[in-house]
Amino acid sequence: MGNSIKPHIETAQKTGACQLCKSGLNEFPNDLLKLVKVLRTLDLSENSISQLPNAIGNFQNLKCFTMNNNKLASLPVVMGKLKKLEAISMTNNHLTIIPSSFSQLTNLRSLHLSGNSLTQIPDMLGGLKHLEVLDLSRNNIMVVPDYVALLEVAELNLNQNQVSVISDEIIQCPRLKILRLEENCLPLSAITPRILVESPICLLAVDGNLFEAKALHKAEGYDKYMERYTATKKKLF
């Protein structure tokens, strides 16, 4: 393993970017510690890494961290020290919870955690003012709770979960434009008039739930939602 990644380490010392996808890794490579001061982008996707060492907290210049398709069951609290992180992607792992220290990642712009085993929307993300995209699709989330109001994301993806309840507090999300809830367990009653009328949502994707899409078209407040949808579409084209 050491020889096979050595050229990547040497390149990364010059570029600040290290890609070790499909490298047959079972653990976080110690050689990466040579890059603590220079590494800005790290991709360890499609390996078999089950845990990260506490030394990950020393990569103070890391901006983009990708670990899709590994075997991570948890993340170390020290990840909260990575203040410059802007993008995290850890899809298709075994994560059941996110450390509360993620509340310290104040520069985070995108967080992709699709295909894990999360049962709740992580509550510590509410204070992250730069977070634009939160992808929690293909998890085991059943409720969109009251504290969702604290999220400042523009896009929230909850496709392919088990969501059956949406708190009306979602109307308080100041920047939420896109809400994806396809293939969940939502009854039509979960899409309340308040959500349709008072929220800033201009793209609501709800195909594959416990009602026909046409039924939503007749729901109270749907016309107000369509006004936002149409206005946004005009801006795009």
Protein backbone atom coordinates (compact mmCIF):
# COMPACT_ATOMS: atom_id res chain seq x y z
CA MET A 1 0.00 0.00 0.00
CA GLY A 2 2.77 2.40 0.96
CA ASN A 3 4.49 2.30 -2.45
CA SER A 4 1.24 2.53 -4.38
CA ILE A 5 0.19 5.80 -2.76
CA LYS A 6 3.66 7.35 -2.54
CA PRO A 7 3.43 9.12 -5.94
CA HIS A 8 0.04 10.60 -4.90
CA ILE A 9 1.55 11.91 -1.66
CA GLU A 10 4.45 13.50 -3.52
CA THR A 11 2.11 15.17 -6.00
CA ALA A 12 -0.13 16.42 -3.21
CA GLN A 13 2.81 18.10 -1.50
CA LYS A 14 2.98 20.36 -4.56
CA THR A 15 -0.71 20.72 -5.44
CA GLY A 16 -2.51 20.52 -2.09
CA ALA A 17 -4.89 17.91 -3.54
CA CYS A 18 -4.75 14.16 -2.93
CA GLN A 19 -6.97 11.59 -4.60
CA LEU A 20 -6.73 8.02 -3.30
CA CYS A 21 -9.95 6.54 -4.71
CA LYS A 22 -10.04 2.77 -5.22
CA SER A 23 -6.65 2.35 -3.55
CA GLY A 24 -7.52 -0.78 -1.57
CA LEU A 25 -7.20 1.07 1.74
CA ASN A 26 -8.49 -0.52 4.95
CA GLU A 27 -7.40 2.35 7.17
CA PHE A 28 -6.48 6.02 6.99
CA PRO A 29 -2.93 6.12 5.52
CA ASN A 30 -0.30 7.44 7.95
CA ASP A 31 1.57 8.89 4.97
CA LEU A 32 -1.16 11.51 4.68
CA LEU A 33 0.11 13.06 7.92
CA LYS A 34 3.01 14.42 5.88
CA LEU A 35 0.46 16.69 4.21
CA VAL A 36 -1.07 18.17 7.36
CA LYS A 37 -0.04 21.74 6.55
CA VAL A 38 -0.65 21.75 2.78
CA LEU A 39 -3.67 19.55 2.06
CA ARG A 40 -6.77 21.39 0.82
CA THR A 41 -8.60 18.59 -1.01
CA LEU A 42 -8.73 14.93 0.03
CA ASP A 43 -10.68 12.15 -1.69
CA LEU A 44 -10.60 8.66 -0.16
CA SER A 45 -13.70 7.31 -1.91
CA GLU A 46 -14.30 3.65 -2.72
CA ASN A 47 -12.03 2.10 -0.13
CA SER A 48 -12.83 0.06 3.00
CA ILE A 49 -11.92 2.56 5.71
CA SER A 50 -14.03 2.07 8.85
CA GLN A 51 -12.74 4.89 11.04
CA LEU A 52 -10.80 8.14 10.96
CA PRO A 53 -7.95 8.86 13.38
CA ASN A 54 -8.05 11.85 15.71
CA ALA A 55 -5.13 13.18 13.67
CA ILE A 56 -7.68 14.23 11.03
CA GLY A 57 -8.30 17.26 13.24
CA ASN A 58 -4.81 18.55 12.38
CA PHE A 59 -5.60 19.16 8.69
CA GLN A 60 -6.40 22.80 9.34
CA ASN A 61 -6.30 23.87 5.67
CA LEU A 62 -8.64 21.16 4.39
CA LYS A 63 -11.50 22.62 2.33
CA CYS A 64 -12.96 19.61 0.54
CA PHE A 65 -13.18 16.15 2.14
CA THR A 66 -14.71 13.23 0.23
CA MET A 67 -15.08 9.68 1.55
CA ASN A 68 -17.93 8.16 -0.44
CA ASN A 69 -18.36 4.38 -0.45
CA ASN A 70 -16.37 3.38 2.60
CA LYS A 71 -17.33 1.67 5.88
CA LEU A 72 -17.46 4.60 8.28
CA ALA A 73 -19.76 3.98 11.24
CA SER A 74 -18.83 7.14 13.14
CA LEU A 75 -16.82 10.32 12.82
CA PRO A 76 -14.37 11.76 15.36
CA VAL A 77 -15.34 14.83 17.38
CA VAL A 78 -12.09 16.52 16.30
CA MET A 79 -13.53 17.06 12.83
CA GLY A 80 -15.06 20.18 14.34
CA LYS A 81 -11.57 21.69 14.28
CA LEU A 82 -11.52 21.77 10.48
CA LYS A 83 -12.73 25.37 10.31
CA LYS A 84 -11.92 25.83 6.62
CA LEU A 85 -14.01 22.89 5.41
CA GLU A 86 -16.46 23.96 2.71
CA ALA A 87 -17.58 20.60 1.31
CA ILE A 88 -18.02 17.18 2.92
CA SER A 89 -19.25 14.14 1.03
CA MET A 90 -19.56 10.82 2.86
CA THR A 91 -22.29 9.04 0.93
CA ASN A 92 -22.78 5.28 1.17
CA ASN A 93 -21.22 4.63 4.55
CA HIS A 94 -22.75 3.33 7.82
CA LEU A 95 -23.12 6.56 9.77
CA THR A 96 -25.88 6.66 12.37
CA ILE A 97 -25.02 10.00 13.97
CA ILE A 98 -23.00 13.15 13.28
CA PRO A 99 -20.76 14.68 15.99
CA SER A 100 -22.15 17.78 17.70
CA SER A 101 -18.81 19.44 16.87
CA PHE A 102 -20.04 19.85 13.28
CA SER A 103 -21.69 23.01 14.63
CA GLN A 104 -18.19 24.55 14.53
CA LEU A 105 -17.76 24.07 10.76
CA THR A 106 -18.79 27.64 10.07
CA ASN A 107 -17.54 27.72 6.46
CA LEU A 108 -19.34 24.55 5.39
CA ARG A 109 -21.34 25.02 2.19
CA SER A 110 -22.37 21.49 1.23
CA LEU A 111 -22.87 18.31 3.23
CA HIS A 112 -23.68 15.07 1.40
CA LEU A 113 -24.60 12.13 3.63
CA SER A 114 -26.81 10.13 1.28
CA GLY A 115 -26.95 6.38 1.76
CA ASN A 116 -26.16 6.14 5.47
CA SER A 117 -28.20 5.02 8.50
CA LEU A 118 -29.20 8.35 10.01
CA THR A 119 -32.55 8.37 11.80
CA GLN A 120 -32.74 12.12 12.45
CA ILE A 121 -31.86 15.36 10.74
CA PRO A 122 -28.66 16.42 12.56
CA ASP A 123 -29.71 19.24 14.88
CA MET A 124 -26.26 20.82 15.22
CA LEU A 125 -26.35 22.08 11.63
CA GLY A 126 -28.83 24.85 12.42
CA GLY A 127 -26.28 27.56 13.10
CA LEU A 128 -24.26 27.04 9.91
CA LYS A 129 -25.04 30.21 7.98
CA HIS A 130 -23.10 29.27 4.84
CA LEU A 131 -24.55 25.77 4.45
CA GLU A 132 -26.41 25.78 1.12
CA VAL A 133 -26.98 22.11 0.29
CA LEU A 134 -27.81 19.33 2.75
CA ASP A 135 -28.29 15.89 1.18
CA LEU A 136 -29.72 13.29 3.58
CA SER A 137 -31.38 11.12 0.95
CA ARG A 138 -31.47 7.32 1.36
CA ASN A 139 -31.33 7.28 5.16
CA ASN A 140 -33.90 6.21 7.79
CA ILE A 141 -35.34 9.60 8.76
CA MET A 142 -39.03 9.53 9.74
CA VAL A 143 -39.76 13.08 10.90
CA VAL A 144 -38.92 16.61 9.76
CA PRO A 145 -38.87 18.14 13.27
CA ASP A 146 -39.47 21.64 14.65
CA TYR A 147 -35.76 22.44 14.82
CA VAL A 148 -35.58 22.25 11.02
CA ALA A 149 -36.52 25.95 11.25
CA LEU A 150 -32.92 26.67 12.27
CA LEU A 151 -31.48 25.38 9.01
CA GLU A 152 -30.30 28.05 6.59
CA VAL A 153 -29.91 25.75 3.59
CA ALA A 154 -31.23 26.55 0.13
CA GLU A 155 -31.72 22.87 -0.73
CA LEU A 156 -32.72 20.01 1.56
CA ASN A 157 -32.79 16.53 0.04
CA LEU A 158 -34.72 13.89 2.00
CA ASN A 159 -35.58 11.58 -0.89
CA GLN A 160 -35.92 7.87 -0.11
CA ASN A 161 -36.30 8.07 3.65
CA GLN A 162 -39.33 7.13 5.76
CA VAL A 163 -40.65 10.62 6.39
CA SER A 164 -44.33 10.73 7.36
CA VAL A 165 -44.42 14.02 9.31
CA ILE A 166 -43.26 17.54 8.39
CA SER A 167 -43.29 20.25 11.04
CA ASP A 168 -44.93 23.49 9.95
CA GLU A 169 -41.86 25.18 11.44
CA ILE A 170 -40.18 24.49 8.11
CA ILE A 171 -41.80 27.72 6.93
CA GLN A 172 -39.28 29.55 9.12
CA CYS A 173 -36.31 28.36 7.04
CA PRO A 174 -35.23 31.70 5.55
CA ARG A 175 -33.44 30.45 2.43
CA LEU A 176 -35.09 27.10 1.69
CA LYS A 177 -35.96 27.02 -2.01
CA ILE A 178 -35.76 23.32 -2.86
CA LEU A 179 -37.27 20.56 -0.71
CA ARG A 180 -36.96 17.00 -2.02
CA LEU A 181 -39.17 14.41 -0.36
CA GLU A 182 -39.65 11.82 -3.10
CA GLU A 183 -40.27 8.17 -2.17
CA ASN A 184 -41.18 8.66 1.49
CA CYS A 185 -44.26 7.79 3.54
CA LEU A 186 -46.05 11.14 3.42
CA PRO A 187 -49.85 11.36 3.48
CA LEU A 188 -51.30 14.33 1.63
CA SER A 189 -52.22 15.88 4.99
CA ALA A 190 -48.51 16.27 5.80
CA ILE A 191 -48.26 18.99 3.13
CA THR A 192 -50.20 21.61 5.08
CA PRO A 193 -51.62 24.87 3.69
CA ARG A 194 -49.08 26.77 5.82
CA ILE A 195 -46.21 24.98 4.10
CA LEU A 196 -47.66 25.70 0.67
CA VAL A 197 -48.57 29.33 1.37
CA GLU A 198 -46.05 30.69 3.88
CA SER A 199 -42.78 28.89 3.16
CA PRO A 200 -40.19 30.21 0.67
CA ILE A 201 -40.09 26.79 -1.04
CA CYS A 202 -40.34 27.11 -4.83
CA LEU A 203 -39.57 23.49 -5.78
CA LEU A 204 -41.34 20.80 -3.76
CA ALA A 205 -40.62 17.27 -5.05
CA VAL A 206 -43.01 14.72 -3.52
CA ASP A 207 -43.53 11.97 -6.10
CA GLY A 208 -43.68 8.43 -4.75
CA ASN A 209 -45.53 9.09 -1.49
CA LEU A 210 -48.94 7.93 -0.19
CA PHE A 211 -50.93 10.17 -2.52
CA GLU A 212 -51.19 10.94 -6.21
CA ALA A 213 -49.35 14.06 -7.36
CA LYS A 214 -52.62 15.35 -8.87
CA ALA A 215 -54.20 15.36 -5.42
CA LEU A 216 -51.64 17.92 -4.29
CA HIS A 217 -52.68 20.19 -7.13
CA LYS A 218 -56.10 20.51 -5.50
CA ALA A 219 -54.75 21.16 -2.01
CA GLU A 220 -55.41 24.43 -0.24
CA GLY A 221 -52.56 26.84 -0.87
CA TYR A 222 -51.15 25.01 -3.89
CA ASP A 223 -51.80 28.04 -6.09
CA LYS A 224 -49.53 30.17 -3.88
CA TYR A 225 -46.79 27.57 -4.14
CA MET A 226 -47.18 27.54 -7.93
CA GLU A 227 -46.76 31.32 -8.03
CA ARG A 228 -43.33 30.95 -6.42
CA TYR A 229 -42.47 28.00 -8.65
CA THR A 230 -43.40 29.88 -11.81
CA ALA A 231 -41.60 33.06 -10.77
CA THR A 232 -38.40 31.10 -10.10
CA LYS A 233 -38.67 29.28 -13.41
CA LYS A 234 -38.94 32.59 -15.27
CA LYS A 235 -35.75 33.81 -13.61
CA LEU A 236 -33.92 30.69 -14.78
CA PHE A 237 -35.00 30.99 -18.37
